[in-house]
């Protein structure tokens, strides 16, 4: 009699295939509801990060201009320059890439009335675009 109890209790220890399938369906439904919301937050945070990094670069460019009297020809001059009045480095580390792994676009002289242009081509890495691919400018 004792051996029959041991056999019956050991048979019922695992989950049935139906129970596992139900749990997988529930997890799939939850993921389909939560994942799009989470990925939209990632996209907006990347755009905010790019804006913050470009504002940091603007501050470094302004400090360079105050010391040398002119704007740098390229962003690399914020770290190392041969200019006689250069008092840098103006960035603690190398010029960062944008959150999508692309270099920031810096043009001196700038277009229109701007002294320089500083922008990121965003997620697609190409000029123009809409929504998540829209270029990011800092005024």
C-alpha atoms as a PDB file:
ATOM      1  CA  UNK A   1       0.000   0.000   0.000  1.00  0.00           C
ATOM      2  CA  UNK A   2       2.806   2.419   0.796  1.00  0.00           C
ATOM      3  CA  UNK A   3       4.489   1.700  -2.522  1.00  0.00           C
ATOM      4  CA  UNK A   4       1.266   2.570  -4.388  1.00  0.00           C
ATOM      5  CA  UNK A   5       1.100   5.984  -2.657  1.00  0.00           C
ATOM      6  CA  UNK A   6       4.685   6.755  -3.653  1.00  0.00           C
ATOM      7  CA  UNK A   7       3.985   5.831  -7.271  1.00  0.00           C
ATOM      8  CA  UNK A   8       0.791   7.913  -7.444  1.00  0.00           C
ATOM      9  CA  UNK A   9       2.450  11.004  -5.921  1.00  0.00           C
ATOM     10  CA  UNK A  10       5.463  10.817  -8.225  1.00  0.00           C
ATOM     11  CA  UNK A  11       3.280  10.579 -11.329  1.00  0.00           C
ATOM     12  CA  UNK A  12       1.584  13.965 -10.669  1.00  0.00           C
ATOM     13  CA  UNK A  13       4.719  16.070 -10.066  1.00  0.00           C
ATOM     14  CA  UNK A  14       5.117  17.852 -13.443  1.00  0.00           C
ATOM     15  CA  UNK A  15       2.944  20.217 -15.467  1.00  0.00           C
ATOM     16  CA  UNK A  16       0.774  18.918 -18.241  1.00  0.00           C
ATOM     17  CA  UNK A  17       1.253  20.038 -21.800  1.00  0.00           C
ATOM     18  CA  UNK A  18      -2.065  21.907 -21.685  1.00  0.00           C
ATOM     19  CA  UNK A  19      -1.007  23.853 -18.585  1.00  0.00           C
ATOM     20  CA  UNK A  20       2.270  24.844 -20.231  1.00  0.00           C
ATOM     21  CA  UNK A  21       0.486  25.939 -23.408  1.00  0.00           C
ATOM     22  CA  UNK A  22      -1.970  28.075 -21.422  1.00  0.00           C
ATOM     23  CA  UNK A  23       0.897  29.801 -19.589  1.00  0.00           C
ATOM     24  CA  UNK A  24       2.712  30.409 -22.890  1.00  0.00           C
ATOM     25  CA  UNK A  25      -0.406  31.931 -24.464  1.00  0.00           C
ATOM     26  CA  UNK A  26      -0.919  34.223 -21.463  1.00  0.00           C
ATOM     27  CA  UNK A  27       2.736  35.341 -21.568  1.00  0.00           C
ATOM     28  CA  UNK A  28       2.470  35.948 -25.315  1.00  0.00           C
ATOM     29  CA  UNK A  29      -0.624  38.108 -24.860  1.00  0.00           C
ATOM     30  CA  UNK A  30       1.048  40.129 -22.116  1.00  0.00           C
ATOM     31  CA  UNK A  31       4.165  40.619 -24.238  1.00  0.00           C
ATOM     32  CA  UNK A  32       2.108  41.783 -27.209  1.00  0.00           C
ATOM     33  CA  UNK A  33       0.442  44.405 -25.026  1.00  0.00           C
ATOM     34  CA  UNK A  34       3.535  45.638 -23.176  1.00  0.00           C
ATOM     35  CA  UNK A  35       6.311  45.395 -25.809  1.00  0.00           C
ATOM     36  CA  UNK A  36       5.089  48.134 -28.203  1.00  0.00           C
ATOM     37  CA  UNK A  37       4.759  50.593 -25.326  1.00  0.00           C
ATOM     38  CA  UNK A  38       8.254  49.799 -24.072  1.00  0.00           C
ATOM     39  CA  UNK A  39       9.849  50.091 -27.529  1.00  0.00           C
ATOM     40  CA  UNK A  40       8.263  53.498 -28.101  1.00  0.00           C
ATOM     41  CA  UNK A  41       9.914  54.661 -24.864  1.00  0.00           C
ATOM     42  CA  UNK A  42      13.290  53.439 -26.130  1.00  0.00           C
ATOM     43  CA  UNK A  43      12.878  55.427 -29.354  1.00  0.00           C
ATOM     44  CA  UNK A  44      11.919  58.654 -27.581  1.00  0.00           C
ATOM     45  CA  UNK A  45      14.757  58.242 -25.071  1.00  0.00           C
ATOM     46  CA  UNK A  46      17.259  57.877 -27.926  1.00  0.00           C
ATOM     47  CA  UNK A  47      16.053  61.163 -29.417  1.00  0.00           C
ATOM     48  CA  UNK A  48      16.328  62.853 -26.002  1.00  0.00           C
ATOM     49  CA  UNK A  49      19.834  61.451 -25.552  1.00  0.00           C
ATOM     50  CA  UNK A  50      20.878  62.814 -28.954  1.00  0.00           C
ATOM     51  CA  UNK A  51      19.508  66.241 -28.040  1.00  0.00           C
ATOM     52  CA  UNK A  52      21.349  66.230 -24.702  1.00  0.00           C
ATOM     53  CA  UNK A  53      24.623  65.177 -26.331  1.00  0.00           C
ATOM     54  CA  UNK A  54      24.310  67.898 -28.964  1.00  0.00           C
ATOM     55  CA  UNK A  55      23.684  70.495 -26.250  1.00  0.00           C
ATOM     56  CA  UNK A  56      26.890  69.307 -24.554  1.00  0.00           C
ATOM     57  CA  UNK A  57      28.719  69.656 -27.878  1.00  0.00           C
ATOM     58  CA  UNK A  58      27.312  73.177 -28.290  1.00  0.00           C
ATOM     59  CA  UNK A  59      28.706  74.123 -24.894  1.00  0.00           C
ATOM     60  CA  UNK A  60      32.128  72.770 -25.863  1.00  0.00           C
ATOM     61  CA  UNK A  61      31.988  74.611 -29.215  1.00  0.00           C
ATOM     62  CA  UNK A  62      31.133  77.851 -27.412  1.00  0.00           C
ATOM     63  CA  UNK A  63      34.055  77.403 -24.995  1.00  0.00           C
ATOM     64  CA  UNK A  64      36.379  76.746 -27.946  1.00  0.00           C
ATOM     65  CA  UNK A  65      35.150  79.922 -29.632  1.00  0.00           C
ATOM     66  CA  UNK A  66      35.647  81.981 -26.461  1.00  0.00           C
ATOM     67  CA  UNK A  67      39.260  80.812 -26.183  1.00  0.00           C
ATOM     68  CA  UNK A  68      40.293  80.917 -29.840  1.00  0.00           C
ATOM     69  CA  UNK A  69      38.005  83.575 -31.305  1.00  0.00           C
ATOM     70  CA  UNK A  70      36.677  81.242 -33.999  1.00  0.00           C
ATOM     71  CA  UNK A  71      34.599  78.108 -34.298  1.00  0.00           C
ATOM     72  CA  UNK A  72      36.356  74.763 -34.759  1.00  0.00           C
ATOM     73  CA  UNK A  73      36.659  73.424 -38.302  1.00  0.00           C
ATOM     74  CA  UNK A  74      35.598  69.968 -37.043  1.00  0.00           C
ATOM     75  CA  UNK A  75      34.360  68.420 -33.806  1.00  0.00           C
ATOM     76  CA  UNK A  76      37.699  66.627 -33.338  1.00  0.00           C
ATOM     77  CA  UNK A  77      39.286  70.017 -32.592  1.00  0.00           C
ATOM     78  CA  UNK A  78      37.362  70.029 -29.312  1.00  0.00           C
ATOM     79  CA  UNK A  79      39.766  67.310 -28.117  1.00  0.00           C
ATOM     80  CA  UNK A  80      42.989  68.326 -29.859  1.00  0.00           C
ATOM     81  CA  UNK A  81      43.972  71.368 -31.891  1.00  0.00           C
ATOM     82  CA  UNK A  82      47.037  73.209 -33.146  1.00  0.00           C
ATOM     83  CA  UNK A  83      45.407  76.624 -32.653  1.00  0.00           C
ATOM     84  CA  UNK A  84      47.713  78.983 -30.701  1.00  0.00           C
ATOM     85  CA  UNK A  85      45.020  80.038 -28.197  1.00  0.00           C
ATOM     86  CA  UNK A  86      43.522  76.573 -27.746  1.00  0.00           C
ATOM     87  CA  UNK A  87      43.000  75.831 -24.054  1.00  0.00           C
ATOM     88  CA  UNK A  88      41.280  72.441 -24.241  1.00  0.00           C
ATOM     89  CA  UNK A  89      40.365  69.728 -24.288  1.00  0.00           C
ATOM     90  CA  UNK A  90      36.782  70.930 -24.246  1.00  0.00           C
ATOM     91  CA  UNK A  91      35.316  67.436 -23.944  1.00  0.00           C
ATOM     92  CA  UNK A  92      36.289  64.913 -21.249  1.00  0.00           C
ATOM     93  CA  UNK A  93      36.224  62.021 -23.758  1.00  0.00           C
ATOM     94  CA  UNK A  94      36.249  61.595 -27.515  1.00  0.00           C
ATOM     95  CA  UNK A  95      33.358  63.083 -29.465  1.00  0.00           C
ATOM     96  CA  UNK A  96      30.446  60.691 -28.869  1.00  0.00           C
ATOM     97  CA  UNK A  97      28.473  58.968 -31.578  1.00  0.00           C
ATOM     98  CA  UNK A  98      24.737  59.538 -31.651  1.00  0.00           C
ATOM     99  CA  UNK A  99      22.538  56.877 -29.974  1.00  0.00           C
ATOM    100  CA  UNK A 100      22.261  55.008 -33.306  1.00  0.00           C
ATOM    101  CA  UNK A 101      26.035  54.726 -33.716  1.00  0.00           C
ATOM    102  CA  UNK A 102      26.466  57.487 -36.311  1.00  0.00           C
ATOM    103  CA  UNK A 103      28.704  60.528 -36.117  1.00  0.00           C
ATOM    104  CA  UNK A 104      27.068  63.889 -35.441  1.00  0.00           C
ATOM    105  CA  UNK A 105      27.014  66.198 -38.434  1.00  0.00           C
ATOM    106  CA  UNK A 106      28.935  69.448 -37.859  1.00  0.00           C
ATOM    107  CA  UNK A 107      29.271  72.042 -40.601  1.00  0.00           C
ATOM    108  CA  UNK A 108      31.203  75.275 -40.281  1.00  0.00           C
ATOM    109  CA  UNK A 109      30.181  77.683 -41.634  1.00  0.00           C
ATOM    110  CA  UNK A 110      26.558  76.851 -41.149  1.00  0.00           C
ATOM    111  CA  UNK A 111      23.641  77.203 -43.489  1.00  0.00           C
ATOM    112  CA  UNK A 112      21.596  80.380 -43.500  1.00  0.00           C
ATOM    113  CA  UNK A 113      22.253  82.746 -40.617  1.00  0.00           C
ATOM    114  CA  UNK A 114      23.649  80.053 -38.295  1.00  0.00           C
ATOM    115  CA  UNK A 115      27.365  80.170 -37.500  1.00  0.00           C
ATOM    116  CA  UNK A 116      27.471  76.368 -37.663  1.00  0.00           C
ATOM    117  CA  UNK A 117      25.116  73.420 -38.128  1.00  0.00           C
ATOM    118  CA  UNK A 118      24.995  70.573 -35.620  1.00  0.00           C
ATOM    119  CA  UNK A 119      22.599  67.693 -36.208  1.00  0.00           C
ATOM    120  CA  UNK A 120      21.971  63.971 -36.129  1.00  0.00           C
ATOM    121  CA  UNK A 121      20.405  62.082 -38.995  1.00  0.00           C
ATOM    122  CA  UNK A 122      18.620  59.938 -36.359  1.00  0.00           C
ATOM    123  CA  UNK A 123      17.639  56.287 -36.706  1.00  0.00           C
ATOM    124  CA  UNK A 124      18.017  55.885 -40.468  1.00  0.00           C
ATOM    125  CA  UNK A 125      21.395  57.665 -40.647  1.00  0.00           C
ATOM    126  CA  UNK A 126      20.293  59.596 -43.757  1.00  0.00           C
ATOM    127  CA  UNK A 127      19.314  63.195 -44.303  1.00  0.00           C
ATOM    128  CA  UNK A 128      15.600  63.905 -44.036  1.00  0.00           C
ATOM    129  CA  UNK A 129      13.071  61.395 -42.847  1.00  0.00           C
ATOM    130  CA  UNK A 130       9.886  61.425 -40.832  1.00  0.00           C
ATOM    131  CA  UNK A 131       8.902  60.467 -37.286  1.00  0.00           C
ATOM    132  CA  UNK A 132      11.733  58.346 -35.778  1.00  0.00           C
ATOM    133  CA  UNK A 133      13.906  58.982 -38.826  1.00  0.00           C
ATOM    134  CA  UNK A 134      13.481  62.769 -38.710  1.00  0.00           C
ATOM    135  CA  UNK A 135      16.750  64.671 -38.361  1.00  0.00           C
ATOM    136  CA  UNK A 136      17.469  66.178 -34.945  1.00  0.00           C
ATOM    137  CA  UNK A 137      18.671  69.796 -34.802  1.00  0.00           C
ATOM    138  CA  UNK A 138      19.664  71.801 -31.772  1.00  0.00           C
ATOM    139  CA  UNK A 139      19.251  75.560 -32.077  1.00  0.00           C
END
